[in-house]
């Protein structure tokens, strides 16, 4: 089968590999579309910790089932959304219904080879029927579910104020689902370019360039910057009694001045990955026309074309919301 391999940092190869072997409890699927994630750009750039090369990237996936599932949920030819989080099912997190933070989690395309290829074999429980979604839309569900999970985890109330710091794909997703939840959304970034792209996706949001002078008036603040300094600084925008939600995952130490943290009686949330309920919420919102798929999918390429296109987009991410590889 055709496959795109990151052989080492800075080097991609379009080549062929044997098709994966069948496994009990798994279903073979034919990849339809692949969203390129910030993690993929980090893998290409050599900035992803604990990663072994060569690696087949790709975890934002839509696919066609190549056989019926054993439980009858999925029929051959059905379009499915792939949940890329491979979990153990036995650790404490899994036992309490939080497989998104499984102690032994492996993510397709990161800890094991992923979907930048023609076929993969996936646990049946990780496949969700996409129903009437397009392959392009279905490939966007996973990254949007991360923002949707953070919004759901925050218990954001309707008509309250929400600040999202960072207008990359995850921040835009959080802004979109905070808006769908009925919040008054402000989206901030250091890039006017990114804010303009975000405004086309979440027109109800107010967009602002980051300024140190902005007051602390938001009942919920979400950080989606991927920058430890921004994460440490974001507390200053939180109103007393509010919640601070960290969508970003970076190396480094969180450091808050305790008087600032304590006087607000701050509720601090980490938000990791997403749950099945978040995938389903995103798909439902897509089906209801609440997600502007065309505005989000700003760039597209093929498996072979990604050899040149992915490095180009990695160097100029300020003009890209979501790039997709379509098979």
C-alpha atoms as a PDB file:
ATOM      1  CA  UNK A   1       0.000   0.000   0.000  1.00  0.00           C
ATOM      2  CA  UNK A   2       1.037   3.634  -0.424  1.00  0.00           C
ATOM      3  CA  UNK A   3       2.362   5.308   2.710  1.00  0.00           C
ATOM      4  CA  UNK A   4       3.926   8.605   3.765  1.00  0.00           C
ATOM      5  CA  UNK A   5       6.802   8.110   6.212  1.00  0.00           C
ATOM      6  CA  UNK A   6       8.672  10.646   8.306  1.00  0.00           C
ATOM      7  CA  UNK A   7      12.046   8.880   8.178  1.00  0.00           C
ATOM      8  CA  UNK A   8      13.721  11.377  10.488  1.00  0.00           C
ATOM      9  CA  UNK A   9      13.212  15.041  11.397  1.00  0.00           C
ATOM     10  CA  UNK A  10      12.991  17.070   8.219  1.00  0.00           C
ATOM     11  CA  UNK A  11      12.628  14.141   5.814  1.00  0.00           C
ATOM     12  CA  UNK A  12       9.382  12.715   4.365  1.00  0.00           C
ATOM     13  CA  UNK A  13       9.169   9.831   1.891  1.00  0.00           C
ATOM     14  CA  UNK A  14       6.211   8.619  -0.160  1.00  0.00           C
ATOM     15  CA  UNK A  15       6.787   4.881  -0.484  1.00  0.00           C
ATOM     16  CA  UNK A  16       5.041   1.509  -0.187  1.00  0.00           C
ATOM     17  CA  UNK A  17       4.706  -0.943   2.690  1.00  0.00           C
ATOM     18  CA  UNK A  18       2.892  -4.237   3.217  1.00  0.00           C
ATOM     19  CA  UNK A  19      -0.736  -3.864   4.254  1.00  0.00           C
ATOM     20  CA  UNK A  20      -1.266  -4.347   8.009  1.00  0.00           C
ATOM     21  CA  UNK A  21      -2.213  -7.773   9.322  1.00  0.00           C
ATOM     22  CA  UNK A  22      -5.683  -8.482  10.719  1.00  0.00           C
ATOM     23  CA  UNK A  23      -6.110  -8.602  14.504  1.00  0.00           C
ATOM     24  CA  UNK A  24      -8.915 -10.020  16.673  1.00  0.00           C
ATOM     25  CA  UNK A  25     -11.419  -7.351  17.713  1.00  0.00           C
ATOM     26  CA  UNK A  26     -10.124  -4.964  15.041  1.00  0.00           C
ATOM     27  CA  UNK A  27     -11.602  -3.751  11.763  1.00  0.00           C
ATOM     28  CA  UNK A  28      -9.708  -2.969   8.584  1.00  0.00           C
ATOM     29  CA  UNK A  29     -10.490   0.462   7.155  1.00  0.00           C
ATOM     30  CA  UNK A  30      -9.485   2.318   4.002  1.00  0.00           C
ATOM     31  CA  UNK A  31      -8.313   5.841   4.804  1.00  0.00           C
ATOM     32  CA  UNK A  32     -10.404   8.589   3.167  1.00  0.00           C
ATOM     33  CA  UNK A  33      -8.938  11.815   4.596  1.00  0.00           C
ATOM     34  CA  UNK A  34      -6.273  12.844   7.109  1.00  0.00           C
ATOM     35  CA  UNK A  35      -6.102  16.117   8.988  1.00  0.00           C
ATOM     36  CA  UNK A  36      -2.580  17.401   9.542  1.00  0.00           C
ATOM     37  CA  UNK A  37      -2.167  18.276  13.210  1.00  0.00           C
ATOM     38  CA  UNK A  38       0.297  20.467  15.076  1.00  0.00           C
ATOM     39  CA  UNK A  39       1.733  17.220  16.422  1.00  0.00           C
ATOM     40  CA  UNK A  40       2.518  16.127  12.853  1.00  0.00           C
ATOM     41  CA  UNK A  41       4.370  19.380  12.241  1.00  0.00           C
ATOM     42  CA  UNK A  42       6.288  18.806  15.493  1.00  0.00           C
ATOM     43  CA  UNK A  43       7.184  15.264  14.435  1.00  0.00           C
ATOM     44  CA  UNK A  44       8.422  16.537  11.082  1.00  0.00           C
ATOM     45  CA  UNK A  45      10.413  19.267  12.840  1.00  0.00           C
ATOM     46  CA  UNK A  46      11.913  16.911  15.431  1.00  0.00           C
ATOM     47  CA  UNK A  47      10.173  18.622  18.335  1.00  0.00           C
ATOM     48  CA  UNK A  48       7.913  15.803  19.552  1.00  0.00           C
ATOM     49  CA  UNK A  49       9.268  14.198  22.739  1.00  0.00           C
ATOM     50  CA  UNK A  50       9.478  10.429  23.189  1.00  0.00           C
ATOM     51  CA  UNK A  51       8.966   9.687  19.500  1.00  0.00           C
ATOM     52  CA  UNK A  52      10.751   6.929  17.566  1.00  0.00           C
ATOM     53  CA  UNK A  53      11.577   7.375  13.880  1.00  0.00           C
ATOM     54  CA  UNK A  54      10.712   6.335  11.247  1.00  0.00           C
ATOM     55  CA  UNK A  55       7.050   7.128  11.917  1.00  0.00           C
ATOM     56  CA  UNK A  56       3.886   7.050   9.839  1.00  0.00           C
ATOM     57  CA  UNK A  57       2.052  10.117  11.139  1.00  0.00           C
ATOM     58  CA  UNK A  58      -1.663  10.886  11.056  1.00  0.00           C
ATOM     59  CA  UNK A  59      -4.288  10.627  13.787  1.00  0.00           C
ATOM     60  CA  UNK A  60      -7.111  12.885  12.510  1.00  0.00           C
ATOM     61  CA  UNK A  61      -8.759  10.296  10.304  1.00  0.00           C
ATOM     62  CA  UNK A  62     -11.866   9.401   8.346  1.00  0.00           C
ATOM     63  CA  UNK A  63     -12.072   6.027   6.639  1.00  0.00           C
ATOM     64  CA  UNK A  64     -14.293   3.473   4.898  1.00  0.00           C
ATOM     65  CA  UNK A  65     -14.942   0.167   6.641  1.00  0.00           C
ATOM     66  CA  UNK A  66     -13.649  -2.775   4.603  1.00  0.00           C
ATOM     67  CA  UNK A  67     -15.815  -5.306   6.481  1.00  0.00           C
ATOM     68  CA  UNK A  68     -18.830  -5.436   8.800  1.00  0.00           C
ATOM     69  CA  UNK A  69     -18.195  -4.894  12.509  1.00  0.00           C
ATOM     70  CA  UNK A  70     -19.046  -7.817  14.778  1.00  0.00           C
ATOM     71  CA  UNK A  71     -21.619  -5.763  16.714  1.00  0.00           C
ATOM     72  CA  UNK A  72     -23.496  -4.649  13.579  1.00  0.00           C
ATOM     73  CA  UNK A  73     -22.891  -0.915  14.127  1.00  0.00           C
ATOM     74  CA  UNK A  74     -20.768  -0.588  10.995  1.00  0.00           C
ATOM     75  CA  UNK A  75     -21.274  -2.105   7.550  1.00  0.00           C
ATOM     76  CA  UNK A  76     -18.734  -2.584   4.810  1.00  0.00           C
ATOM     77  CA  UNK A  77     -18.348   0.707   2.907  1.00  0.00           C
ATOM     78  CA  UNK A  78     -19.593   2.894   5.768  1.00  0.00           C
ATOM     79  CA  UNK A  79     -17.700   6.100   6.431  1.00  0.00           C
ATOM     80  CA  UNK A  80     -16.299   6.164   9.964  1.00  0.00           C
ATOM     81  CA  UNK A  81     -14.485   8.587  12.240  1.00  0.00           C
ATOM     82  CA  UNK A  82     -11.404   7.054  13.836  1.00  0.00           C
ATOM     83  CA  UNK A  83     -10.787   7.668  17.525  1.00  0.00           C
ATOM     84  CA  UNK A  84      -6.960   7.461  17.557  1.00  0.00           C
ATOM     85  CA  UNK A  85      -6.525   6.917  21.302  1.00  0.00           C
ATOM     86  CA  UNK A  86      -5.549   3.296  21.914  1.00  0.00           C
ATOM     87  CA  UNK A  87      -6.223   2.560  25.565  1.00  0.00           C
ATOM     88  CA  UNK A  88      -5.601  -0.353  27.943  1.00  0.00           C
ATOM     89  CA  UNK A  89      -9.125  -0.590  29.366  1.00  0.00           C
ATOM     90  CA  UNK A  90      -7.831  -1.718  32.771  1.00  0.00           C
ATOM     91  CA  UNK A  91      -6.045   1.194  34.458  1.00  0.00           C
ATOM     92  CA  UNK A  92      -7.712   3.470  36.999  1.00  0.00           C
ATOM     93  CA  UNK A  93      -8.576   6.158  34.428  1.00  0.00           C
ATOM     94  CA  UNK A  94     -10.167   3.619  32.078  1.00  0.00           C
ATOM     95  CA  UNK A  95     -12.074   2.030  34.963  1.00  0.00           C
ATOM     96  CA  UNK A  96     -13.725   5.351  35.870  1.00  0.00           C
ATOM     97  CA  UNK A  97     -14.740   6.198  32.295  1.00  0.00           C
ATOM     98  CA  UNK A  98     -11.807   8.472  31.446  1.00  0.00           C
ATOM     99  CA  UNK A  99      -9.907   6.575  28.733  1.00  0.00           C
ATOM    100  CA  UNK A 100      -8.821   9.937  27.300  1.00  0.00           C
ATOM    101  CA  UNK A 101      -6.196  10.028  30.075  1.00  0.00           C
ATOM    102  CA  UNK A 102      -5.447   6.284  30.151  1.00  0.00           C
ATOM    103  CA  UNK A 103      -2.204   5.577  32.013  1.00  0.00           C
ATOM    104  CA  UNK A 104      -0.992   3.441  29.107  1.00  0.00           C
ATOM    105  CA  UNK A 105      -2.421   5.404  26.188  1.00  0.00           C
ATOM    106  CA  UNK A 106      -0.911   5.114  22.713  1.00  0.00           C
ATOM    107  CA  UNK A 107      -1.966   7.553  20.011  1.00  0.00           C
ATOM    108  CA  UNK A 108      -2.042   6.515  16.374  1.00  0.00           C
ATOM    109  CA  UNK A 109       0.590   8.401  14.411  1.00  0.00           C
ATOM    110  CA  UNK A 110       2.528   9.345  17.542  1.00  0.00           C
ATOM    111  CA  UNK A 111       3.301   6.341  19.735  1.00  0.00           C
ATOM    112  CA  UNK A 112       2.530   3.887  16.951  1.00  0.00           C
ATOM    113  CA  UNK A 113       2.173   4.190  13.186  1.00  0.00           C
ATOM    114  CA  UNK A 114      -0.878   6.141  12.092  1.00  0.00           C
ATOM    115  CA  UNK A 115      -3.090   6.844   9.120  1.00  0.00           C
ATOM    116  CA  UNK A 116      -0.983   8.563   6.455  1.00  0.00           C
ATOM    117  CA  UNK A 117      -1.396   5.469   4.328  1.00  0.00           C
ATOM    118  CA  UNK A 118      -4.103   3.567   2.458  1.00  0.00           C
ATOM    119  CA  UNK A 119      -5.242   1.086   5.140  1.00  0.00           C
ATOM    120  CA  UNK A 120      -5.052   0.599   8.886  1.00  0.00           C
ATOM    121  CA  UNK A 121      -6.467  -1.941  11.316  1.00  0.00           C
ATOM    122  CA  UNK A 122      -8.246  -0.347  14.317  1.00  0.00           C
ATOM    123  CA  UNK A 123     -10.088  -1.668  17.391  1.00  0.00           C
ATOM    124  CA  UNK A 124     -13.800  -1.773  16.529  1.00  0.00           C
ATOM    125  CA  UNK A 125     -14.666   0.343  19.558  1.00  0.00           C
ATOM    126  CA  UNK A 126     -12.516   3.165  18.191  1.00  0.00           C
ATOM    127  CA  UNK A 127     -14.661   3.540  15.078  1.00  0.00           C
ATOM    128  CA  UNK A 128     -17.750   5.769  15.069  1.00  0.00           C
ATOM    129  CA  UNK A 129     -20.239   5.811  12.162  1.00  0.00           C
ATOM    130  CA  UNK A 130     -19.966   9.174  10.391  1.00  0.00           C
ATOM    131  CA  UNK A 131     -23.469   8.861   8.916  1.00  0.00           C
ATOM    132  CA  UNK A 132     -24.033  11.684   6.408  1.00  0.00           C
ATOM    133  CA  UNK A 133     -20.788  13.572   6.990  1.00  0.00           C
ATOM    134  CA  UNK A 134     -18.321  14.015   4.150  1.00  0.00           C
ATOM    135  CA  UNK A 135     -14.884  12.399   4.439  1.00  0.00           C
ATOM    136  CA  UNK A 136     -13.404  15.896   4.832  1.00  0.00           C
ATOM    137  CA  UNK A 137     -15.734  16.780   7.705  1.00  0.00           C
ATOM    138  CA  UNK A 138     -15.252  13.403   9.375  1.00  0.00           C
ATOM    139  CA  UNK A 139     -11.469  13.886   9.358  1.00  0.00           C
ATOM    140  CA  UNK A 140     -11.932  17.117  11.346  1.00  0.00           C
ATOM    141  CA  UNK A 141     -13.939  15.557  14.167  1.00  0.00           C
ATOM    142  CA  UNK A 142     -11.002  14.494  16.353  1.00  0.00           C
ATOM    143  CA  UNK A 143      -9.264  17.850  16.595  1.00  0.00           C
ATOM    144  CA  UNK A 144     -12.562  19.675  17.149  1.00  0.00           C
ATOM    145  CA  UNK A 145     -13.461  17.158  19.860  1.00  0.00           C
ATOM    146  CA  UNK A 146     -10.420  18.312  21.857  1.00  0.00           C
ATOM    147  CA  UNK A 147     -11.815  21.842  22.100  1.00  0.00           C
ATOM    148  CA  UNK A 148     -15.327  20.509  22.697  1.00  0.00           C
ATOM    149  CA  UNK A 149     -14.010  18.322  25.541  1.00  0.00           C
ATOM    150  CA  UNK A 150     -12.390  21.309  27.227  1.00  0.00           C
ATOM    151  CA  UNK A 151     -15.594  23.324  26.963  1.00  0.00           C
ATOM    152  CA  UNK A 152     -17.670  20.451  28.358  1.00  0.00           C
ATOM    153  CA  UNK A 153     -15.167  19.842  31.150  1.00  0.00           C
ATOM    154  CA  UNK A 154     -15.325  23.497  32.186  1.00  0.00           C
ATOM    155  CA  UNK A 155     -19.120  23.305  32.671  1.00  0.00           C
ATOM    156  CA  UNK A 156     -19.338  26.597  30.807  1.00  0.00           C
ATOM    157  CA  UNK A 157     -22.677  28.261  31.500  1.00  0.00           C
ATOM    158  CA  UNK A 158     -24.829  29.966  28.876  1.00  0.00           C
ATOM    159  CA  UNK A 159     -24.488  33.771  28.652  1.00  0.00           C
ATOM    160  CA  UNK A 160     -21.238  33.788  30.656  1.00  0.00           C
ATOM    161  CA  UNK A 161     -17.972  35.236  29.354  1.00  0.00           C
ATOM    162  CA  UNK A 162     -15.242  33.024  27.916  1.00  0.00           C
ATOM    163  CA  UNK A 163     -11.754  34.021  26.800  1.00  0.00           C
ATOM    164  CA  UNK A 164      -9.785  31.704  24.528  1.00  0.00           C
ATOM    165  CA  UNK A 165      -6.090  32.565  24.277  1.00  0.00           C
ATOM    166  CA  UNK A 166      -4.478  31.141  21.138  1.00  0.00           C
ATOM    167  CA  UNK A 167      -6.175  31.113  17.725  1.00  0.00           C
ATOM    168  CA  UNK A 168      -4.624  27.952  16.359  1.00  0.00           C
ATOM    169  CA  UNK A 169      -6.849  24.984  15.422  1.00  0.00           C
ATOM    170  CA  UNK A 170      -7.463  23.859  19.024  1.00  0.00           C
ATOM    171  CA  UNK A 171      -8.252  27.390  20.187  1.00  0.00           C
ATOM    172  CA  UNK A 172     -10.580  27.961  17.249  1.00  0.00           C
ATOM    173  CA  UNK A 173     -12.338  24.683  18.079  1.00  0.00           C
ATOM    174  CA  UNK A 174     -12.728  25.730  21.716  1.00  0.00           C
ATOM    175  CA  UNK A 175     -14.077  29.130  20.639  1.00  0.00           C
ATOM    176  CA  UNK A 176     -16.545  27.492  18.276  1.00  0.00           C
ATOM    177  CA  UNK A 177     -17.935  25.104  20.886  1.00  0.00           C
ATOM    178  CA  UNK A 178     -17.964  27.740  23.613  1.00  0.00           C
ATOM    179  CA  UNK A 179     -20.055  29.846  21.233  1.00  0.00           C
ATOM    180  CA  UNK A 180     -22.351  26.894  20.488  1.00  0.00           C
ATOM    181  CA  UNK A 181     -22.744  26.466  24.277  1.00  0.00           C
ATOM    182  CA  UNK A 182     -24.057  30.039  24.426  1.00  0.00           C
ATOM    183  CA  UNK A 183     -21.061  31.851  25.919  1.00  0.00           C
ATOM    184  CA  UNK A 184     -19.942  35.353  24.983  1.00  0.00           C
ATOM    185  CA  UNK A 185     -16.605  34.497  23.386  1.00  0.00           C
ATOM    186  CA  UNK A 186     -13.452  36.562  23.023  1.00  0.00           C
ATOM    187  CA  UNK A 187     -10.551  35.043  21.090  1.00  0.00           C
ATOM    188  CA  UNK A 188      -7.048  36.466  21.525  1.00  0.00           C
ATOM    189  CA  UNK A 189      -3.773  35.856  19.746  1.00  0.00           C
ATOM    190  CA  UNK A 190      -0.543  37.637  18.916  1.00  0.00           C
ATOM    191  CA  UNK A 191      -1.226  37.209  15.170  1.00  0.00           C
ATOM    192  CA  UNK A 192      -3.763  39.363  13.327  1.00  0.00           C
ATOM    193  CA  UNK A 193      -3.599  36.831  10.493  1.00  0.00           C
ATOM    194  CA  UNK A 194      -4.723  33.941  12.697  1.00  0.00           C
ATOM    195  CA  UNK A 195      -7.461  36.072  14.235  1.00  0.00           C
ATOM    196  CA  UNK A 196      -8.826  36.946  10.785  1.00  0.00           C
ATOM    197  CA  UNK A 197      -8.985  33.255   9.873  1.00  0.00           C
ATOM    198  CA  UNK A 198     -10.660  32.466  13.209  1.00  0.00           C
ATOM    199  CA  UNK A 199     -13.279  35.201  12.745  1.00  0.00           C
ATOM    200  CA  UNK A 200     -14.436  33.515   9.532  1.00  0.00           C
ATOM    201  CA  UNK A 201     -15.059  30.321  11.513  1.00  0.00           C
ATOM    202  CA  UNK A 202     -16.556  31.827  14.681  1.00  0.00           C
ATOM    203  CA  UNK A 203     -18.178  35.082  13.483  1.00  0.00           C
ATOM    204  CA  UNK A 204     -19.932  35.627  16.813  1.00  0.00           C
ATOM    205  CA  UNK A 205     -16.598  35.847  18.656  1.00  0.00           C
ATOM    206  CA  UNK A 206     -14.825  39.092  19.388  1.00  0.00           C
ATOM    207  CA  UNK A 207     -11.201  38.892  18.252  1.00  0.00           C
ATOM    208  CA  UNK A 208      -8.397  40.878  19.878  1.00  0.00           C
ATOM    209  CA  UNK A 209      -4.625  41.071  19.755  1.00  0.00           C
ATOM    210  CA  UNK A 210      -3.050  40.202  23.111  1.00  0.00           C
ATOM    211  CA  UNK A 211      -2.271  43.219  25.291  1.00  0.00           C
ATOM    212  CA  UNK A 212      -0.944  43.250  28.835  1.00  0.00           C
ATOM    213  CA  UNK A 213      -3.419  46.007  29.734  1.00  0.00           C
ATOM    214  CA  UNK A 214      -6.532  43.851  29.194  1.00  0.00           C
ATOM    215  CA  UNK A 215      -8.562  43.432  32.432  1.00  0.00           C
ATOM    216  CA  UNK A 216      -9.490  40.279  34.339  1.00  0.00           C
ATOM    217  CA  UNK A 217     -13.196  39.994  33.572  1.00  0.00           C
ATOM    218  CA  UNK A 218     -13.753  36.492  32.161  1.00  0.00           C
ATOM    219  CA  UNK A 219     -15.612  33.770  34.011  1.00  0.00           C
ATOM    220  CA  UNK A 220     -13.763  31.066  32.060  1.00  0.00           C
ATOM    221  CA  UNK A 221     -10.344  31.360  30.433  1.00  0.00           C
ATOM    222  CA  UNK A 222      -9.019  28.693  28.064  1.00  0.00           C
ATOM    223  CA  UNK A 223      -5.346  28.520  27.113  1.00  0.00           C
ATOM    224  CA  UNK A 224      -4.632  27.008  23.696  1.00  0.00           C
ATOM    225  CA  UNK A 225      -1.296  28.670  23.001  1.00  0.00           C
ATOM    226  CA  UNK A 226       1.115  25.765  23.373  1.00  0.00           C
ATOM    227  CA  UNK A 227       3.417  28.204  25.185  1.00  0.00           C
ATOM    228  CA  UNK A 228       4.351  27.738  28.835  1.00  0.00           C
ATOM    229  CA  UNK A 229       4.898  31.475  29.409  1.00  0.00           C
ATOM    230  CA  UNK A 230       1.408  32.235  28.081  1.00  0.00           C
ATOM    231  CA  UNK A 231      -0.053  29.465  30.225  1.00  0.00           C
ATOM    232  CA  UNK A 232       1.565  30.941  33.328  1.00  0.00           C
ATOM    233  CA  UNK A 233       0.375  34.445  32.436  1.00  0.00           C
ATOM    234  CA  UNK A 234      -3.240  33.666  31.490  1.00  0.00           C
ATOM    235  CA  UNK A 235      -4.537  33.662  35.050  1.00  0.00           C
ATOM    236  CA  UNK A 236      -4.435  37.472  35.099  1.00  0.00           C
ATOM    237  CA  UNK A 237      -7.469  37.624  32.787  1.00  0.00           C
ATOM    238  CA  UNK A 238      -9.661  35.420  35.006  1.00  0.00           C
ATOM    239  CA  UNK A 239     -12.462  36.960  37.052  1.00  0.00           C
ATOM    240  CA  UNK A 240     -12.824  36.074  40.719  1.00  0.00           C
ATOM    241  CA  UNK A 241     -14.656  32.766  41.133  1.00  0.00           C
ATOM    242  CA  UNK A 242     -13.718  31.667  37.617  1.00  0.00           C
ATOM    243  CA  UNK A 243     -12.233  28.598  35.938  1.00  0.00           C
ATOM    244  CA  UNK A 244      -8.923  28.324  34.083  1.00  0.00           C
ATOM    245  CA  UNK A 245      -8.793  25.528  31.498  1.00  0.00           C
ATOM    246  CA  UNK A 246      -5.476  24.376  30.032  1.00  0.00           C
ATOM    247  CA  UNK A 247      -5.921  22.825  26.601  1.00  0.00           C
ATOM    248  CA  UNK A 248      -2.212  23.125  25.810  1.00  0.00           C
ATOM    249  CA  UNK A 249       0.276  20.396  26.669  1.00  0.00           C
ATOM    250  CA  UNK A 250       3.901  21.545  26.750  1.00  0.00           C
ATOM    251  CA  UNK A 251       7.138  20.752  28.534  1.00  0.00           C
ATOM    252  CA  UNK A 252       7.734  23.096  31.450  1.00  0.00           C
ATOM    253  CA  UNK A 253       6.431  23.994  34.880  1.00  0.00           C
ATOM    254  CA  UNK A 254       3.211  25.821  35.654  1.00  0.00           C
ATOM    255  CA  UNK A 255       3.935  28.698  38.020  1.00  0.00           C
ATOM    256  CA  UNK A 256       1.201  30.898  39.454  1.00  0.00           C
ATOM    257  CA  UNK A 257       1.565  33.463  42.201  1.00  0.00           C
ATOM    258  CA  UNK A 258      -0.465  31.864  44.977  1.00  0.00           C
ATOM    259  CA  UNK A 259      -2.078  35.136  46.133  1.00  0.00           C
ATOM    260  CA  UNK A 260      -3.404  35.713  42.594  1.00  0.00           C
ATOM    261  CA  UNK A 261      -4.548  32.093  42.250  1.00  0.00           C
ATOM    262  CA  UNK A 262      -6.013  31.904  45.751  1.00  0.00           C
ATOM    263  CA  UNK A 263      -7.858  35.215  45.965  1.00  0.00           C
ATOM    264  CA  UNK A 264      -9.898  34.245  42.888  1.00  0.00           C
ATOM    265  CA  UNK A 265     -10.777  30.856  44.410  1.00  0.00           C
ATOM    266  CA  UNK A 266      -9.687  29.607  40.991  1.00  0.00           C
ATOM    267  CA  UNK A 267     -10.867  26.296  39.595  1.00  0.00           C
ATOM    268  CA  UNK A 268      -8.037  24.858  37.483  1.00  0.00           C
ATOM    269  CA  UNK A 269      -8.718  22.235  34.811  1.00  0.00           C
ATOM    270  CA  UNK A 270      -6.356  20.278  32.635  1.00  0.00           C
ATOM    271  CA  UNK A 271      -8.099  18.959  29.513  1.00  0.00           C
ATOM    272  CA  UNK A 272      -6.607  16.030  27.631  1.00  0.00           C
ATOM    273  CA  UNK A 273      -7.753  14.466  24.361  1.00  0.00           C
ATOM    274  CA  UNK A 274     -11.489  13.735  24.118  1.00  0.00           C
ATOM    275  CA  UNK A 275     -14.139  11.160  24.970  1.00  0.00           C
ATOM    276  CA  UNK A 276     -16.661   9.382  22.757  1.00  0.00           C
ATOM    277  CA  UNK A 277     -19.327  11.836  23.940  1.00  0.00           C
ATOM    278  CA  UNK A 278     -17.208  14.707  22.608  1.00  0.00           C
ATOM    279  CA  UNK A 279     -16.785  13.030  19.205  1.00  0.00           C
ATOM    280  CA  UNK A 280     -20.552  12.514  19.081  1.00  0.00           C
ATOM    281  CA  UNK A 281     -21.245  16.124  20.069  1.00  0.00           C
ATOM    282  CA  UNK A 282     -18.987  17.400  17.282  1.00  0.00           C
ATOM    283  CA  UNK A 283     -20.636  15.102  14.721  1.00  0.00           C
ATOM    284  CA  UNK A 284     -24.092  16.214  15.860  1.00  0.00           C
ATOM    285  CA  UNK A 285     -23.135  19.887  15.546  1.00  0.00           C
ATOM    286  CA  UNK A 286     -21.729  19.208  12.075  1.00  0.00           C
ATOM    287  CA  UNK A 287     -24.956  17.485  11.055  1.00  0.00           C
ATOM    288  CA  UNK A 288     -26.913  20.513  12.319  1.00  0.00           C
ATOM    289  CA  UNK A 289     -24.824  22.887  10.212  1.00  0.00           C
ATOM    290  CA  UNK A 290     -23.172  24.564  13.201  1.00  0.00           C
ATOM    291  CA  UNK A 291     -19.596  23.803  12.110  1.00  0.00           C
ATOM    292  CA  UNK A 292     -18.291  25.698   9.039  1.00  0.00           C
ATOM    293  CA  UNK A 293     -16.334  22.809   7.555  1.00  0.00           C
ATOM    294  CA  UNK A 294     -15.276  24.646   4.392  1.00  0.00           C
ATOM    295  CA  UNK A 295     -13.909  27.616   6.317  1.00  0.00           C
ATOM    296  CA  UNK A 296     -11.929  25.321   8.622  1.00  0.00           C
ATOM    297  CA  UNK A 297     -10.430  23.181   5.830  1.00  0.00           C
ATOM    298  CA  UNK A 298      -8.168  25.841   4.362  1.00  0.00           C
ATOM    299  CA  UNK A 299      -5.641  23.605   2.546  1.00  0.00           C
ATOM    300  CA  UNK A 300      -5.628  20.196   0.871  1.00  0.00           C
ATOM    301  CA  UNK A 301      -3.142  17.842  -0.741  1.00  0.00           C
ATOM    302  CA  UNK A 302      -2.544  14.194  -1.652  1.00  0.00           C
ATOM    303  CA  UNK A 303      -0.390  11.548   0.019  1.00  0.00           C
ATOM    304  CA  UNK A 304       2.393  12.132  -2.503  1.00  0.00           C
ATOM    305  CA  UNK A 305       1.877  15.904  -2.594  1.00  0.00           C
ATOM    306  CA  UNK A 306       2.342  16.102   1.178  1.00  0.00           C
ATOM    307  CA  UNK A 307       6.069  15.440   0.718  1.00  0.00           C
ATOM    308  CA  UNK A 308       6.383  19.045  -0.483  1.00  0.00           C
ATOM    309  CA  UNK A 309       3.259  20.604   1.025  1.00  0.00           C
ATOM    310  CA  UNK A 310       3.613  19.542   4.672  1.00  0.00           C
ATOM    311  CA  UNK A 311       7.075  21.169   5.109  1.00  0.00           C
ATOM    312  CA  UNK A 312       5.771  24.323   3.400  1.00  0.00           C
ATOM    313  CA  UNK A 313       2.779  24.548   5.760  1.00  0.00           C
ATOM    314  CA  UNK A 314       4.962  23.739   8.780  1.00  0.00           C
ATOM    315  CA  UNK A 315       7.002  26.844   7.973  1.00  0.00           C
ATOM    316  CA  UNK A 316       3.939  29.087   7.489  1.00  0.00           C
ATOM    317  CA  UNK A 317       1.270  27.888   9.910  1.00  0.00           C
ATOM    318  CA  UNK A 318      -0.141  31.402  10.311  1.00  0.00           C
ATOM    319  CA  UNK A 319      -2.062  30.996   7.044  1.00  0.00           C
ATOM    320  CA  UNK A 320      -3.327  27.461   7.751  1.00  0.00           C
ATOM    321  CA  UNK A 321      -6.269  26.494   9.942  1.00  0.00           C
ATOM    322  CA  UNK A 322      -6.592  22.855   8.881  1.00  0.00           C
ATOM    323  CA  UNK A 323      -4.782  21.149   6.028  1.00  0.00           C
ATOM    324  CA  UNK A 324      -6.028  17.764   4.868  1.00  0.00           C
ATOM    325  CA  UNK A 325      -4.560  14.896   2.891  1.00  0.00           C
ATOM    326  CA  UNK A 326      -7.284  13.315   0.745  1.00  0.00           C
ATOM    327  CA  UNK A 327      -7.001   9.814  -0.677  1.00  0.00           C
END
